[in-house]
N, C-alpha and C. Protein backbone atom coordinates (compact mmCIF):
# COMPACT_ATOMS: atom_id res chain seq x y z
N MET A 1 45.30 -63.60 50.70
CA MET A 1 44.10 -64.10 51.07
C MET A 1 42.75 -63.64 50.33
N ASN A 2 41.90 -64.30 49.98
CA ASN A 2 40.76 -63.93 49.28
C ASN A 2 39.79 -63.20 50.20
N ILE A 3 38.73 -62.54 49.79
CA ILE A 3 37.85 -61.68 50.67
C ILE A 3 36.97 -62.70 51.18
N GLU A 4 36.49 -63.72 50.80
CA GLU A 4 35.73 -64.70 51.76
C GLU A 4 36.46 -65.21 52.99
N MET A 5 37.95 -65.59 52.53
CA MET A 5 38.78 -65.96 53.78
C MET A 5 38.98 -64.88 54.60
N ARG A 6 39.34 -63.71 54.18
CA ARG A 6 39.38 -62.41 55.03
C ARG A 6 38.05 -62.18 55.77
N HIS A 7 36.98 -62.26 55.23
CA HIS A 7 35.67 -62.23 55.99
C HIS A 7 35.66 -63.34 57.13
N LEU A 8 35.89 -64.63 56.90
CA LEU A 8 35.87 -65.41 57.85
C LEU A 8 36.88 -65.26 59.13
N ALA A 9 37.80 -64.73 58.67
CA ALA A 9 38.90 -64.48 59.67
C ALA A 9 38.32 -63.28 60.57
N HIS A 10 37.82 -62.26 60.05
CA HIS A 10 37.19 -61.23 60.83
C HIS A 10 36.04 -61.62 61.91
N LEU A 11 35.47 -62.53 61.24
CA LEU A 11 34.18 -63.01 61.79
C LEU A 11 34.85 -63.76 63.21
N ALA A 12 35.81 -64.80 62.77
CA ALA A 12 36.41 -65.65 63.72
C ALA A 12 36.92 -64.91 64.86
N LEU A 13 37.64 -63.79 64.66
CA LEU A 13 38.48 -62.62 65.52
C LEU A 13 37.31 -62.02 66.29
N GLY A 14 36.13 -61.69 65.83
CA GLY A 14 34.99 -60.99 66.71
C GLY A 14 34.57 -62.09 67.35
N ALA A 15 34.19 -63.11 67.02
CA ALA A 15 33.70 -64.17 68.01
C ALA A 15 34.58 -64.60 69.21
N LEU A 16 35.97 -64.70 68.97
CA LEU A 16 37.08 -64.86 69.81
C LEU A 16 36.88 -63.72 71.01
N LEU A 17 36.98 -62.45 70.56
CA LEU A 17 36.54 -61.36 71.45
C LEU A 17 35.64 -61.25 72.36
N LEU A 18 34.42 -61.77 71.59
CA LEU A 18 33.03 -61.69 72.34
C LEU A 18 33.35 -62.69 73.63
N MET A 19 33.89 -64.00 73.21
CA MET A 19 33.95 -65.18 74.10
C MET A 19 34.80 -64.55 75.22
N ALA A 20 35.85 -63.99 74.80
CA ALA A 20 37.03 -63.57 75.87
C ALA A 20 36.47 -62.49 77.04
N SER A 21 35.53 -61.67 76.40
CA SER A 21 35.00 -60.51 77.28
C SER A 21 33.69 -61.03 78.27
N GLY A 22 33.51 -62.42 77.62
CA GLY A 22 32.44 -62.95 78.74
C GLY A 22 30.87 -62.85 78.17
N CYS A 23 30.85 -62.27 76.85
CA CYS A 23 29.44 -61.78 76.59
C CYS A 23 28.54 -62.66 75.82
N VAL A 24 29.14 -64.25 75.65
CA VAL A 24 28.65 -65.10 74.92
C VAL A 24 28.63 -66.36 75.90
N ASP A 25 27.08 -66.40 75.93
CA ASP A 25 26.83 -67.76 76.90
C ASP A 25 26.55 -68.90 75.97
N LYS A 26 27.71 -69.74 76.14
CA LYS A 26 27.64 -71.06 75.11
C LYS A 26 26.76 -72.11 75.39
N SER A 27 26.00 -71.95 76.67
CA SER A 27 25.01 -72.93 76.88
C SER A 27 23.48 -72.38 76.36
N ASN A 28 23.44 -71.28 75.87
CA ASN A 28 22.49 -70.62 75.26
C ASN A 28 22.24 -71.51 74.01
N PRO A 29 20.46 -71.69 73.84
CA PRO A 29 20.30 -72.70 72.72
C PRO A 29 20.42 -71.95 71.53
N ASP A 30 20.49 -70.54 71.48
CA ASP A 30 20.89 -69.86 70.31
C ASP A 30 22.26 -70.19 69.84
N MET A 31 23.28 -70.44 70.72
CA MET A 31 24.74 -70.83 70.24
C MET A 31 24.62 -71.89 69.31
N VAL A 32 23.86 -72.80 69.55
CA VAL A 32 23.84 -74.02 68.66
C VAL A 32 23.72 -73.53 67.12
N ASP A 33 22.96 -72.71 66.87
CA ASP A 33 22.93 -72.33 65.31
C ASP A 33 24.33 -71.63 65.00
N LYS A 34 25.01 -71.02 65.89
CA LYS A 34 26.42 -70.30 65.48
C LYS A 34 27.22 -71.35 65.26
N ARG A 35 27.00 -72.48 66.26
CA ARG A 35 28.14 -73.64 66.28
C ARG A 35 28.14 -74.40 65.31
N SER A 36 26.80 -74.50 64.75
CA SER A 36 26.75 -75.42 63.74
C SER A 36 27.18 -75.13 62.54
N ILE A 37 27.01 -73.71 62.13
CA ILE A 37 27.92 -72.86 61.00
C ILE A 37 29.41 -72.80 61.04
N GLU A 38 29.82 -72.58 62.23
CA GLU A 38 31.08 -72.70 62.38
C GLU A 38 31.74 -73.91 61.85
N ARG A 39 31.19 -75.01 62.40
CA ARG A 39 31.93 -76.42 62.25
C ARG A 39 31.73 -76.52 60.69
N TRP A 40 30.52 -76.08 60.00
CA TRP A 40 30.73 -76.25 58.48
C TRP A 40 31.36 -75.43 57.60
N ASN A 41 31.69 -74.42 58.27
CA ASN A 41 32.56 -73.50 57.58
C ASN A 41 34.21 -73.96 57.56
N TYR A 42 34.46 -74.75 58.73
CA TYR A 42 35.59 -75.15 58.73
C TYR A 42 35.73 -76.48 57.65
N LEU A 43 34.87 -77.22 57.61
CA LEU A 43 34.60 -78.45 56.56
C LEU A 43 34.93 -77.72 55.13
N ILE A 44 34.23 -76.66 54.81
CA ILE A 44 34.36 -75.89 53.63
C ILE A 44 35.71 -75.58 53.34
N ALA A 45 36.50 -75.00 54.44
CA ALA A 45 37.80 -74.57 54.18
C ALA A 45 38.73 -75.57 54.36
N HIS A 46 38.38 -76.77 54.27
CA HIS A 46 39.33 -77.98 54.35
C HIS A 46 40.16 -77.90 55.65
N GLU A 47 39.52 -77.60 56.79
CA GLU A 47 40.12 -77.28 57.90
C GLU A 47 39.19 -78.18 58.95
N ALA A 48 39.21 -79.58 58.70
CA ALA A 48 38.54 -80.28 59.33
C ALA A 48 38.89 -80.69 60.73
N GLU A 49 40.36 -80.51 61.05
CA GLU A 49 41.02 -80.55 62.66
C GLU A 49 40.51 -79.48 63.19
N LYS A 50 39.84 -78.53 62.81
CA LYS A 50 39.11 -77.50 63.54
C LYS A 50 37.73 -77.93 63.83
N ALA A 51 37.22 -78.56 62.88
CA ALA A 51 35.60 -78.91 63.05
C ALA A 51 35.55 -79.97 63.96
N TYR A 52 36.71 -80.83 64.25
CA TYR A 52 36.68 -81.65 65.15
C TYR A 52 36.23 -81.44 66.49
N ASP A 53 36.82 -80.28 66.93
CA ASP A 53 36.53 -79.73 68.26
C ASP A 53 34.92 -79.58 68.54
N TYR A 54 34.12 -79.66 67.43
CA TYR A 54 32.69 -79.42 67.71
C TYR A 54 31.82 -80.73 68.09
N PHE A 55 32.74 -82.17 67.88
CA PHE A 55 32.04 -83.03 68.22
C PHE A 55 32.06 -83.26 69.53
N THR A 56 31.17 -84.24 70.19
CA THR A 56 31.13 -84.44 71.48
C THR A 56 32.43 -85.05 72.17
N PRO A 57 32.58 -84.80 73.69
CA PRO A 57 33.55 -85.29 73.88
C PRO A 57 33.60 -86.91 73.82
N GLY A 58 32.42 -87.86 74.06
CA GLY A 58 32.58 -89.08 73.69
C GLY A 58 32.84 -89.57 72.43
N TYR A 59 32.53 -88.69 71.23
CA TYR A 59 33.07 -89.21 69.89
C TYR A 59 34.38 -88.93 69.96
N ARG A 60 34.79 -87.84 70.52
CA ARG A 60 36.44 -87.61 70.25
C ARG A 60 37.29 -88.61 71.14
N ALA A 61 36.57 -89.21 72.12
CA ALA A 61 37.41 -90.35 72.77
C ALA A 61 37.21 -91.57 71.72
N THR A 62 36.65 -91.67 70.72
CA THR A 62 36.65 -92.79 69.90
C THR A 62 37.37 -92.64 68.57
N GLN A 63 37.56 -91.59 68.04
CA GLN A 63 38.31 -91.00 66.89
C GLN A 63 39.16 -89.98 67.20
N THR A 64 40.38 -90.26 66.25
CA THR A 64 41.60 -89.28 66.56
C THR A 64 41.16 -87.95 65.59
N ARG A 65 41.59 -86.83 66.03
CA ARG A 65 41.80 -85.52 65.07
C ARG A 65 42.50 -86.11 63.97
N GLU A 66 43.37 -86.51 63.80
CA GLU A 66 44.27 -86.84 62.36
C GLU A 66 43.35 -87.71 61.70
N LYS A 67 42.88 -88.61 62.01
CA LYS A 67 42.17 -89.75 61.21
C LYS A 67 40.98 -88.79 60.81
N TYR A 68 40.13 -88.42 61.62
CA TYR A 68 39.02 -87.50 60.99
C TYR A 68 39.45 -86.62 59.99
N ALA A 69 40.53 -85.84 60.37
CA ALA A 69 40.86 -84.64 59.38
C ALA A 69 41.06 -85.36 58.05
N ALA A 70 42.03 -86.35 58.00
CA ALA A 70 42.36 -86.85 56.79
C ALA A 70 41.16 -87.35 56.02
N ALA A 71 40.33 -88.11 56.55
CA ALA A 71 39.09 -88.50 56.02
C ALA A 71 38.05 -87.33 55.32
N MET A 72 37.87 -86.26 56.21
CA MET A 72 36.98 -85.50 55.71
C MET A 72 37.81 -84.24 54.64
N ASN A 73 39.00 -84.27 54.86
CA ASN A 73 39.68 -83.05 53.91
C ASN A 73 39.87 -83.66 52.53
N ASN A 74 39.74 -84.84 52.39
CA ASN A 74 40.34 -85.56 51.03
C ASN A 74 39.03 -86.15 50.47
N ARG A 75 37.68 -85.72 50.65
CA ARG A 75 36.55 -86.31 50.16
C ARG A 75 36.43 -85.75 48.88
N PRO A 76 35.92 -86.47 47.92
CA PRO A 76 35.62 -86.06 46.48
C PRO A 76 34.65 -84.95 46.36
N ILE A 77 33.80 -84.94 47.43
CA ILE A 77 32.74 -83.89 47.36
C ILE A 77 33.39 -82.58 47.93
N GLN A 78 32.94 -81.31 47.23
CA GLN A 78 33.27 -80.09 47.76
C GLN A 78 32.44 -79.27 48.27
N TRP A 79 32.17 -78.91 49.68
CA TRP A 79 31.08 -78.33 49.93
C TRP A 79 31.40 -76.78 49.93
N THR A 80 30.65 -76.12 49.51
CA THR A 80 30.99 -74.43 49.25
C THR A 80 30.25 -73.48 50.06
N ALA A 81 29.02 -74.01 50.59
CA ALA A 81 28.50 -72.96 51.46
C ALA A 81 27.39 -73.73 52.69
N ALA A 82 27.26 -73.13 53.72
CA ALA A 82 26.33 -73.72 54.54
C ALA A 82 25.58 -72.40 55.40
N SER A 83 24.36 -72.60 55.56
CA SER A 83 23.58 -71.83 56.28
C SER A 83 22.28 -72.35 57.16
N PHE A 84 22.32 -71.59 58.09
CA PHE A 84 21.34 -72.51 59.25
C PHE A 84 19.85 -71.94 58.72
N LYS A 85 19.28 -73.20 58.75
CA LYS A 85 17.90 -73.37 58.48
C LYS A 85 16.98 -73.39 59.33
N ASP A 86 16.98 -74.10 60.45
CA ASP A 86 15.91 -74.03 61.70
C ASP A 86 16.57 -75.03 62.49
N LYS A 87 15.80 -75.10 63.84
CA LYS A 87 16.06 -75.99 64.87
C LYS A 87 14.93 -76.42 65.94
N THR A 88 14.99 -77.67 66.26
CA THR A 88 13.94 -77.48 67.40
C THR A 88 14.81 -78.37 68.42
N CYS A 89 14.41 -77.60 69.78
CA CYS A 89 15.31 -78.15 70.80
C CYS A 89 14.14 -78.47 71.87
N ASP A 90 14.85 -79.46 72.68
CA ASP A 90 14.15 -79.97 73.96
C ASP A 90 15.28 -80.09 75.11
N GLY A 91 15.34 -79.08 75.76
CA GLY A 91 16.41 -79.27 76.92
C GLY A 91 17.73 -79.25 76.52
N ASP A 92 18.39 -80.23 76.51
CA ASP A 92 19.80 -80.28 76.09
C ASP A 92 20.03 -80.94 74.94
N ARG A 93 19.15 -81.00 74.00
CA ARG A 93 19.21 -81.68 72.84
C ARG A 93 18.47 -80.82 71.71
N CYS A 94 18.99 -80.63 70.64
CA CYS A 94 18.59 -79.81 69.39
C CYS A 94 18.86 -80.79 68.08
N ILE A 95 17.69 -80.38 67.43
CA ILE A 95 17.94 -80.93 66.02
C ILE A 95 17.86 -79.95 65.09
N VAL A 96 19.17 -79.58 64.31
CA VAL A 96 19.44 -78.54 63.67
C VAL A 96 19.36 -78.73 62.31
N GLY A 97 18.62 -77.92 61.24
CA GLY A 97 18.78 -78.09 59.81
C GLY A 97 19.68 -77.06 59.44
N VAL A 98 20.55 -77.63 58.52
CA VAL A 98 21.58 -76.70 57.83
C VAL A 98 21.48 -77.01 56.28
N ASN A 99 21.39 -75.72 55.51
CA ASN A 99 21.41 -75.96 54.16
C ASN A 99 22.78 -76.15 53.65
N VAL A 100 23.29 -77.03 52.93
CA VAL A 100 24.56 -77.32 52.41
C VAL A 100 24.63 -77.27 51.03
N ARG A 101 25.33 -76.45 50.36
CA ARG A 101 25.58 -76.39 49.09
C ARG A 101 26.88 -77.01 48.82
N TYR A 102 27.09 -77.67 47.48
CA TYR A 102 28.35 -78.64 47.41
C TYR A 102 28.54 -78.83 46.01
N SER A 103 29.88 -79.24 45.58
CA SER A 103 29.99 -79.83 44.17
C SER A 103 30.50 -81.12 43.87
N VAL A 104 30.47 -81.68 43.17
CA VAL A 104 30.98 -83.07 43.09
C VAL A 104 31.36 -83.26 41.42
N THR A 105 32.34 -83.75 40.86
CA THR A 105 32.88 -84.18 39.83
C THR A 105 31.97 -85.21 39.45
N ALA A 106 31.42 -85.23 38.32
CA ALA A 106 30.37 -86.17 37.95
C ALA A 106 31.07 -87.38 36.76
N PRO A 107 31.04 -88.52 37.51
CA PRO A 107 31.72 -89.35 36.54
C PRO A 107 30.82 -89.67 35.13
N GLY A 108 31.69 -89.55 34.22
CA GLY A 108 31.03 -89.99 32.95
C GLY A 108 30.72 -88.51 32.16
N MET A 109 31.03 -87.45 32.89
CA MET A 109 30.63 -86.49 32.11
C MET A 109 31.77 -85.36 31.91
N GLY A 110 32.85 -85.96 31.61
CA GLY A 110 34.10 -85.15 31.10
C GLY A 110 34.62 -84.19 32.36
N GLY A 111 34.44 -85.00 33.28
CA GLY A 111 35.08 -83.84 34.54
C GLY A 111 34.16 -82.95 35.21
N ARG A 112 33.05 -82.73 34.43
CA ARG A 112 32.36 -81.53 34.76
C ARG A 112 31.75 -81.53 36.27
N LYS A 113 31.70 -80.38 36.97
CA LYS A 113 31.24 -80.40 38.20
C LYS A 113 29.59 -80.19 38.30
N VAL A 114 29.22 -80.75 39.18
CA VAL A 114 27.67 -80.90 39.35
C VAL A 114 27.56 -80.11 40.88
N GLU A 115 26.68 -79.00 40.64
CA GLU A 115 26.39 -78.44 42.09
C GLU A 115 24.90 -78.64 42.66
N SER A 116 24.88 -78.72 43.84
CA SER A 116 23.48 -78.84 44.54
C SER A 116 23.52 -78.39 45.99
N GLU A 117 22.17 -78.72 46.57
CA GLU A 117 22.25 -78.14 47.98
C GLU A 117 21.17 -78.96 48.62
N SER A 118 21.64 -79.62 49.86
CA SER A 118 20.86 -80.41 50.50
C SER A 118 20.55 -79.98 51.91
N VAL A 119 19.60 -80.30 52.57
CA VAL A 119 19.45 -79.89 54.15
C VAL A 119 19.73 -80.98 54.92
N GLN A 120 20.98 -80.86 55.98
CA GLN A 120 21.62 -81.65 56.71
C GLN A 120 20.91 -81.53 58.20
N SER A 121 20.27 -82.84 58.66
CA SER A 121 19.50 -82.75 59.88
C SER A 121 20.78 -83.17 61.01
N GLU A 122 20.90 -82.26 62.03
CA GLU A 122 22.30 -82.72 62.48
C GLU A 122 21.65 -82.75 64.26
N ILE A 123 22.21 -83.57 64.92
CA ILE A 123 21.73 -83.60 66.42
C ILE A 123 22.84 -82.90 67.06
N TRP A 124 22.56 -81.80 68.12
CA TRP A 124 23.72 -81.28 68.83
C TRP A 124 23.12 -81.41 70.30
N ILE A 125 24.04 -81.80 71.20
CA ILE A 125 23.76 -81.83 72.49
C ILE A 125 24.48 -81.10 73.51
N ARG A 126 24.02 -80.78 74.58
CA ARG A 126 24.65 -79.73 75.62
C ARG A 126 25.21 -80.69 76.42
N VAL A 127 26.79 -80.34 76.88
CA VAL A 127 27.41 -81.12 77.64
C VAL A 127 28.25 -80.29 78.30
N ASP A 128 28.06 -80.07 79.78
CA ASP A 128 28.94 -79.07 80.73
C ASP A 128 28.78 -77.63 80.20
N GLY A 129 27.54 -77.18 79.53
CA GLY A 129 27.26 -76.04 79.03
C GLY A 129 27.69 -75.65 77.88
N GLN A 130 28.06 -76.58 77.00
CA GLN A 130 28.65 -76.23 75.70
C GLN A 130 27.97 -77.16 74.60
N TRP A 131 27.34 -76.74 73.61
CA TRP A 131 26.87 -77.38 72.53
C TRP A 131 27.69 -78.34 71.77
N TYR A 132 27.46 -79.35 71.55
CA TYR A 132 28.31 -80.28 70.58
C TYR A 132 27.55 -81.17 69.60
N PHE A 133 28.29 -81.31 68.35
CA PHE A 133 27.86 -82.14 67.52
C PHE A 133 27.71 -83.67 67.82
N LEU A 134 26.61 -84.31 67.73
CA LEU A 134 26.47 -85.79 67.73
C LEU A 134 26.45 -86.56 66.67
N PRO A 135 27.38 -87.24 65.88
CA PRO A 135 27.13 -87.60 64.66
C PRO A 135 26.36 -88.90 64.65
N ASN A 136 25.56 -89.50 63.61
CA ASN A 136 24.81 -90.60 63.62
C ASN A 136 25.65 -91.71 63.95
């Protein structure tokens, strides 16, 4: 296991311990920051089946975990990092900005990878006290 994966595993374990101890209020608007990055970290690790759990219950009712994971884990783009940028919240809705670094193999460039970064604007809503990602 490489250092980054080990670090992610330790972070995940710490988060689970905090949640189990009741110290984390999932309805708190600050949790949307954490959840947005957790979702991206699963996509970066090609674990879209875990990122699926961050979708709203309504979206999950229309898309199976298997179809979503197959589509996301096999994309030609490779996401390499994500960091929280900003958010604007109004009650049970937040618009979250996430800086996402990615690489893609450029056609016609001898298989060379091109790296870049973009800001993704995401809508997150609070349902039954939990923050969920609402895709466009």
